[in-house]
């Protein structure tokens, strides 16, 4: 009986830890995302117009399309920020998950 309780307790604790570790980041904050964008992205991307620097400008993204013509959805933008593409670096190791979510929230307001 005692061994069963120990095993059961171990399983419950393991499940609790797994749930905590897989919890989504806090709600995305576009204000924080703007600050991160200005620090990490503005060198290559304009936020306030469509003019190209090293990368495209993002004005108008809130209307549903990226400059490439792809849909401007949360998942598409997060994938681009996380993995990069062409000359854009991946930010998976450079920004936390929360920071990437914040940048996505900001870009979706442009």
N, C-alpha and C. Protein backbone atom coordinates (compact mmCIF):
# COMPACT_ATOMS: atom_id res chain seq x y z
N UNK A 1 0.82 -1.19 0.00
CA UNK A 1 0.00 0.00 0.00
C UNK A 1 0.87 1.26 0.00
N UNK A 2 1.89 1.30 0.80
CA UNK A 2 2.78 2.45 0.90
C UNK A 2 3.47 2.71 -0.44
N UNK A 3 3.94 1.67 -1.12
CA UNK A 3 4.60 1.81 -2.41
C UNK A 3 3.64 2.39 -3.44
N UNK A 4 2.39 2.00 -3.40
CA UNK A 4 1.38 2.52 -4.32
C UNK A 4 1.19 4.02 -4.12
N UNK A 5 1.18 4.47 -2.87
CA UNK A 5 1.03 5.90 -2.59
C UNK A 5 2.24 6.69 -3.10
N UNK A 6 3.41 6.14 -2.94
CA UNK A 6 4.63 6.81 -3.41
C UNK A 6 4.62 6.91 -4.94
N UNK A 7 4.25 5.84 -5.60
CA UNK A 7 4.18 5.84 -7.06
C UNK A 7 3.13 6.83 -7.53
N UNK A 8 1.96 6.80 -6.90
CA UNK A 8 0.88 7.71 -7.28
C UNK A 8 1.32 9.17 -7.08
N UNK A 9 1.94 9.46 -5.95
CA UNK A 9 2.42 10.82 -5.68
C UNK A 9 3.46 11.24 -6.72
N UNK A 10 4.34 10.34 -7.09
CA UNK A 10 5.34 10.63 -8.12
C UNK A 10 4.70 10.95 -9.46
N UNK A 11 3.68 10.20 -9.82
CA UNK A 11 2.98 10.43 -11.08
C UNK A 11 2.29 11.79 -11.05
N UNK A 12 1.61 12.10 -9.96
CA UNK A 12 0.91 13.38 -9.84
C UNK A 12 1.91 14.54 -9.93
N UNK A 13 3.01 14.45 -9.24
CA UNK A 13 4.03 15.50 -9.30
C UNK A 13 4.60 15.65 -10.70
N UNK A 14 4.84 14.55 -11.37
CA UNK A 14 5.36 14.59 -12.74
C UNK A 14 4.38 15.29 -13.68
N UNK A 15 3.11 14.99 -13.53
CA UNK A 15 2.09 15.64 -14.37
C UNK A 15 2.03 17.13 -14.08
N UNK A 16 2.09 17.51 -12.81
CA UNK A 16 2.06 18.93 -12.44
C UNK A 16 3.26 19.68 -13.02
N UNK A 17 4.43 19.10 -12.93
CA UNK A 17 5.62 19.73 -13.48
C UNK A 17 5.50 19.86 -15.00
N UNK A 18 5.01 18.84 -15.66
CA UNK A 18 4.84 18.89 -17.12
C UNK A 18 3.87 19.99 -17.51
N UNK A 19 2.78 20.14 -16.76
CA UNK A 19 1.81 21.19 -17.06
C UNK A 19 2.44 22.57 -16.87
N UNK A 20 3.17 22.75 -15.80
CA UNK A 20 3.81 24.05 -15.56
C UNK A 20 4.84 24.39 -16.62
N UNK A 21 5.61 23.40 -17.04
CA UNK A 21 6.64 23.65 -18.04
C UNK A 21 6.06 23.90 -19.43
N UNK A 22 4.88 23.38 -19.70
CA UNK A 22 4.29 23.56 -21.02
C UNK A 22 3.30 24.71 -21.06
N UNK A 23 3.18 25.45 -19.97
CA UNK A 23 2.25 26.57 -19.93
C UNK A 23 2.65 27.62 -20.96
N UNK A 24 1.67 28.21 -21.62
CA UNK A 24 1.99 29.23 -22.61
C UNK A 24 2.59 30.45 -21.94
N UNK A 25 3.27 31.29 -22.71
CA UNK A 25 3.83 32.50 -22.12
C UNK A 25 2.70 33.41 -21.65
N UNK A 26 3.06 34.41 -20.87
CA UNK A 26 2.06 35.38 -20.44
C UNK A 26 1.46 36.03 -21.67
N UNK A 27 0.37 36.71 -21.48
CA UNK A 27 -0.29 37.39 -22.59
C UNK A 27 0.71 38.30 -23.30
N UNK A 28 0.69 38.26 -24.61
CA UNK A 28 1.61 39.07 -25.40
C UNK A 28 1.36 40.55 -25.18
N UNK A 29 2.43 41.32 -25.13
CA UNK A 29 2.36 42.75 -24.85
C UNK A 29 2.95 43.53 -26.02
N UNK A 30 2.10 44.16 -26.84
CA UNK A 30 2.62 44.89 -27.99
C UNK A 30 3.51 46.08 -27.61
N UNK A 31 3.30 46.65 -26.43
CA UNK A 31 4.16 47.77 -25.99
C UNK A 31 5.58 47.26 -25.75
N UNK A 32 5.69 46.13 -25.07
CA UNK A 32 7.00 45.51 -24.88
C UNK A 32 7.57 45.07 -26.22
N UNK A 33 6.70 44.56 -27.10
CA UNK A 33 7.14 44.14 -28.42
C UNK A 33 7.71 45.28 -29.24
N UNK A 34 7.15 46.47 -29.09
CA UNK A 34 7.67 47.64 -29.81
C UNK A 34 9.10 47.94 -29.37
N UNK A 35 9.34 47.89 -28.06
CA UNK A 35 10.70 48.15 -27.55
C UNK A 35 11.69 47.11 -28.08
N UNK A 36 11.27 45.86 -28.10
CA UNK A 36 12.14 44.79 -28.61
C UNK A 36 12.36 44.98 -30.11
N UNK A 37 11.29 45.31 -30.84
CA UNK A 37 11.40 45.55 -32.27
C UNK A 37 12.41 46.66 -32.54
N UNK A 38 12.30 47.76 -31.80
CA UNK A 38 13.21 48.89 -32.00
C UNK A 38 14.66 48.49 -31.74
N UNK A 39 14.86 47.62 -30.77
CA UNK A 39 16.22 47.19 -30.43
C UNK A 39 16.77 46.13 -31.39
N UNK A 40 15.93 45.18 -31.78
CA UNK A 40 16.43 44.01 -32.52
C UNK A 40 16.06 43.99 -34.00
N UNK A 41 15.00 44.69 -34.39
CA UNK A 41 14.46 44.52 -35.75
C UNK A 41 14.54 45.78 -36.61
N UNK A 42 14.50 46.95 -35.97
CA UNK A 42 14.39 48.21 -36.71
C UNK A 42 15.60 48.50 -37.59
N UNK A 43 16.72 47.89 -37.30
CA UNK A 43 17.90 48.08 -38.15
C UNK A 43 17.62 47.57 -39.57
N UNK A 44 16.80 46.56 -39.68
CA UNK A 44 16.52 45.95 -40.99
C UNK A 44 15.09 46.17 -41.49
N UNK A 45 14.17 46.55 -40.60
CA UNK A 45 12.75 46.68 -40.98
C UNK A 45 12.18 48.01 -40.52
N UNK A 46 11.43 48.67 -41.39
CA UNK A 46 10.66 49.85 -41.01
C UNK A 46 9.35 49.40 -40.39
N UNK A 47 8.95 50.08 -39.34
CA UNK A 47 7.67 49.78 -38.72
C UNK A 47 6.58 50.72 -39.23
N UNK A 48 6.96 51.91 -39.65
CA UNK A 48 5.97 52.94 -39.97
C UNK A 48 5.73 53.17 -41.46
N UNK A 49 6.38 52.39 -42.30
CA UNK A 49 6.14 52.50 -43.75
C UNK A 49 6.49 51.17 -44.42
N UNK A 50 6.26 51.11 -45.72
CA UNK A 50 6.50 49.87 -46.46
C UNK A 50 7.86 49.86 -47.17
N UNK A 51 8.64 50.91 -46.95
CA UNK A 51 9.95 50.97 -47.60
C UNK A 51 10.86 49.85 -47.10
N UNK A 52 11.64 49.33 -48.01
CA UNK A 52 12.55 48.24 -47.69
C UNK A 52 13.89 48.78 -47.20
N UNK A 53 14.37 48.20 -46.13
CA UNK A 53 15.76 48.39 -45.69
C UNK A 53 16.45 47.11 -46.14
N UNK A 54 17.07 46.38 -45.22
CA UNK A 54 17.56 45.04 -45.55
C UNK A 54 16.39 44.08 -45.69
N UNK A 55 15.32 44.36 -44.98
CA UNK A 55 14.09 43.58 -45.03
C UNK A 55 12.92 44.51 -45.29
N UNK A 56 11.75 43.97 -45.52
CA UNK A 56 10.59 44.80 -45.87
C UNK A 56 10.08 45.63 -44.70
N UNK A 57 9.41 46.73 -45.03
CA UNK A 57 8.70 47.52 -44.04
C UNK A 57 7.38 46.84 -43.72
N UNK A 58 6.88 47.06 -42.53
CA UNK A 58 5.71 46.33 -42.07
C UNK A 58 4.43 47.15 -41.96
N UNK A 59 4.43 48.40 -42.40
CA UNK A 59 3.20 49.18 -42.35
C UNK A 59 2.11 48.45 -43.13
N UNK A 60 0.93 48.34 -42.55
CA UNK A 60 -0.18 47.68 -43.20
C UNK A 60 -0.36 46.22 -42.85
N UNK A 61 0.54 45.66 -42.05
CA UNK A 61 0.43 44.24 -41.66
C UNK A 61 -0.90 43.98 -40.96
N UNK A 62 -1.38 44.96 -40.19
CA UNK A 62 -2.65 44.77 -39.46
C UNK A 62 -3.82 44.53 -40.41
N UNK A 63 -3.64 44.82 -41.69
CA UNK A 63 -4.69 44.58 -42.67
C UNK A 63 -4.72 43.14 -43.17
N UNK A 64 -3.79 42.31 -42.66
CA UNK A 64 -3.89 40.88 -42.94
C UNK A 64 -2.88 40.27 -43.88
N UNK A 65 -1.98 41.08 -44.46
CA UNK A 65 -0.98 40.53 -45.38
C UNK A 65 0.41 41.01 -45.00
N UNK A 66 1.37 40.10 -45.08
CA UNK A 66 2.78 40.47 -44.95
C UNK A 66 3.25 41.03 -46.28
N UNK A 67 4.36 41.74 -46.30
CA UNK A 67 4.87 42.27 -47.57
C UNK A 67 5.10 41.19 -48.63
N UNK A 68 5.36 39.97 -48.20
CA UNK A 68 5.56 38.85 -49.13
C UNK A 68 4.25 38.37 -49.76
N UNK A 69 3.12 38.83 -49.19
CA UNK A 69 1.82 38.36 -49.64
C UNK A 69 1.26 37.24 -48.78
N UNK A 70 2.08 36.69 -47.91
CA UNK A 70 1.61 35.64 -47.01
C UNK A 70 0.63 36.24 -46.00
N UNK A 71 -0.25 35.42 -45.45
CA UNK A 71 -1.18 35.94 -44.44
C UNK A 71 -0.42 36.42 -43.21
N UNK A 72 -0.85 37.53 -42.67
CA UNK A 72 -0.22 38.10 -41.47
C UNK A 72 -0.91 37.54 -40.23
N UNK A 73 -0.76 36.25 -40.02
CA UNK A 73 -1.34 35.60 -38.84
C UNK A 73 -0.29 35.47 -37.75
N UNK A 74 -0.77 35.28 -36.55
CA UNK A 74 0.13 35.08 -35.42
C UNK A 74 1.14 33.98 -35.72
N UNK A 75 0.65 32.82 -36.18
CA UNK A 75 1.53 31.67 -36.38
C UNK A 75 2.55 31.90 -37.48
N UNK A 76 2.16 32.55 -38.56
CA UNK A 76 3.10 32.82 -39.66
C UNK A 76 4.20 33.78 -39.19
N UNK A 77 3.80 34.85 -38.51
CA UNK A 77 4.79 35.83 -38.03
C UNK A 77 5.70 35.21 -36.97
N UNK A 78 5.12 34.46 -36.05
CA UNK A 78 5.94 33.81 -35.01
C UNK A 78 6.94 32.85 -35.64
N UNK A 79 6.53 32.11 -36.65
CA UNK A 79 7.44 31.20 -37.34
C UNK A 79 8.59 31.96 -37.99
N UNK A 80 8.30 33.09 -38.60
CA UNK A 80 9.36 33.90 -39.23
C UNK A 80 10.33 34.45 -38.18
N UNK A 81 9.79 34.94 -37.07
CA UNK A 81 10.65 35.48 -36.01
C UNK A 81 11.49 34.36 -35.40
N UNK A 82 10.89 33.22 -35.17
CA UNK A 82 11.58 32.12 -34.51
C UNK A 82 12.64 31.49 -35.41
N UNK A 83 12.28 31.21 -36.67
CA UNK A 83 13.17 30.46 -37.56
C UNK A 83 13.96 31.34 -38.53
N UNK A 84 13.51 32.57 -38.75
CA UNK A 84 14.15 33.43 -39.74
C UNK A 84 13.86 32.92 -41.15
N UNK A 85 14.42 33.62 -42.12
CA UNK A 85 14.32 33.17 -43.51
C UNK A 85 15.28 34.01 -44.33
N UNK A 86 15.80 33.42 -45.37
CA UNK A 86 16.76 34.09 -46.25
C UNK A 86 17.82 34.80 -45.41
N UNK A 87 17.94 36.12 -45.53
CA UNK A 87 18.99 36.82 -44.79
C UNK A 87 18.58 37.20 -43.36
N UNK A 88 17.31 36.97 -43.02
CA UNK A 88 16.86 37.28 -41.65
C UNK A 88 17.27 36.16 -40.71
N UNK A 89 17.94 36.52 -39.62
CA UNK A 89 18.36 35.48 -38.68
C UNK A 89 17.18 34.93 -37.88
N UNK A 90 17.36 33.74 -37.37
CA UNK A 90 16.39 33.14 -36.44
C UNK A 90 16.58 33.79 -35.08
N UNK A 91 15.49 34.08 -34.40
CA UNK A 91 15.57 34.71 -33.09
C UNK A 91 15.22 33.74 -31.96
N UNK A 92 15.13 32.46 -32.28
CA UNK A 92 14.78 31.46 -31.27
C UNK A 92 15.75 31.49 -30.09
N UNK A 93 17.02 31.62 -30.37
CA UNK A 93 18.04 31.62 -29.31
C UNK A 93 18.35 33.03 -28.81
N UNK A 94 17.90 34.04 -29.54
CA UNK A 94 18.22 35.43 -29.19
C UNK A 94 17.14 36.11 -28.35
N UNK A 95 15.91 35.63 -28.48
CA UNK A 95 14.79 36.18 -27.72
C UNK A 95 14.06 35.05 -27.00
N UNK A 96 13.55 35.36 -25.83
CA UNK A 96 12.75 34.37 -25.12
C UNK A 96 11.43 34.16 -25.85
N UNK A 97 10.71 33.11 -25.48
CA UNK A 97 9.40 32.86 -26.07
C UNK A 97 8.48 34.05 -25.84
N UNK A 98 8.50 34.60 -24.63
CA UNK A 98 7.65 35.75 -24.32
C UNK A 98 8.04 36.96 -25.18
N UNK A 99 9.32 37.21 -25.36
CA UNK A 99 9.75 38.33 -26.19
C UNK A 99 9.31 38.15 -27.64
N UNK A 100 9.41 36.93 -28.14
CA UNK A 100 8.95 36.67 -29.52
C UNK A 100 7.45 36.89 -29.64
N UNK A 101 6.69 36.46 -28.65
CA UNK A 101 5.25 36.69 -28.65
C UNK A 101 4.94 38.19 -28.61
N UNK A 102 5.71 38.93 -27.83
CA UNK A 102 5.51 40.38 -27.74
C UNK A 102 5.80 41.06 -29.08
N UNK A 103 6.86 40.64 -29.75
CA UNK A 103 7.19 41.21 -31.07
C UNK A 103 6.07 40.90 -32.06
N UNK A 104 5.56 39.69 -32.05
CA UNK A 104 4.46 39.31 -32.95
C UNK A 104 3.25 40.20 -32.67
N UNK A 105 2.92 40.39 -31.40
CA UNK A 105 1.77 41.23 -31.04
C UNK A 105 1.96 42.65 -31.57
N UNK A 106 3.18 43.16 -31.47
CA UNK A 106 3.46 44.50 -31.98
C UNK A 106 3.36 44.56 -33.50
N UNK A 107 4.00 43.64 -34.18
CA UNK A 107 3.99 43.65 -35.66
C UNK A 107 2.55 43.56 -36.18
N UNK A 108 1.71 42.84 -35.47
CA UNK A 108 0.32 42.70 -35.93
C UNK A 108 -0.48 43.99 -35.74
N UNK A 109 0.09 44.99 -35.06
CA UNK A 109 -0.58 46.30 -34.92
C UNK A 109 -0.15 47.28 -36.00
N UNK A 110 0.84 46.92 -36.79
CA UNK A 110 1.40 47.87 -37.76
C UNK A 110 0.56 48.00 -39.03
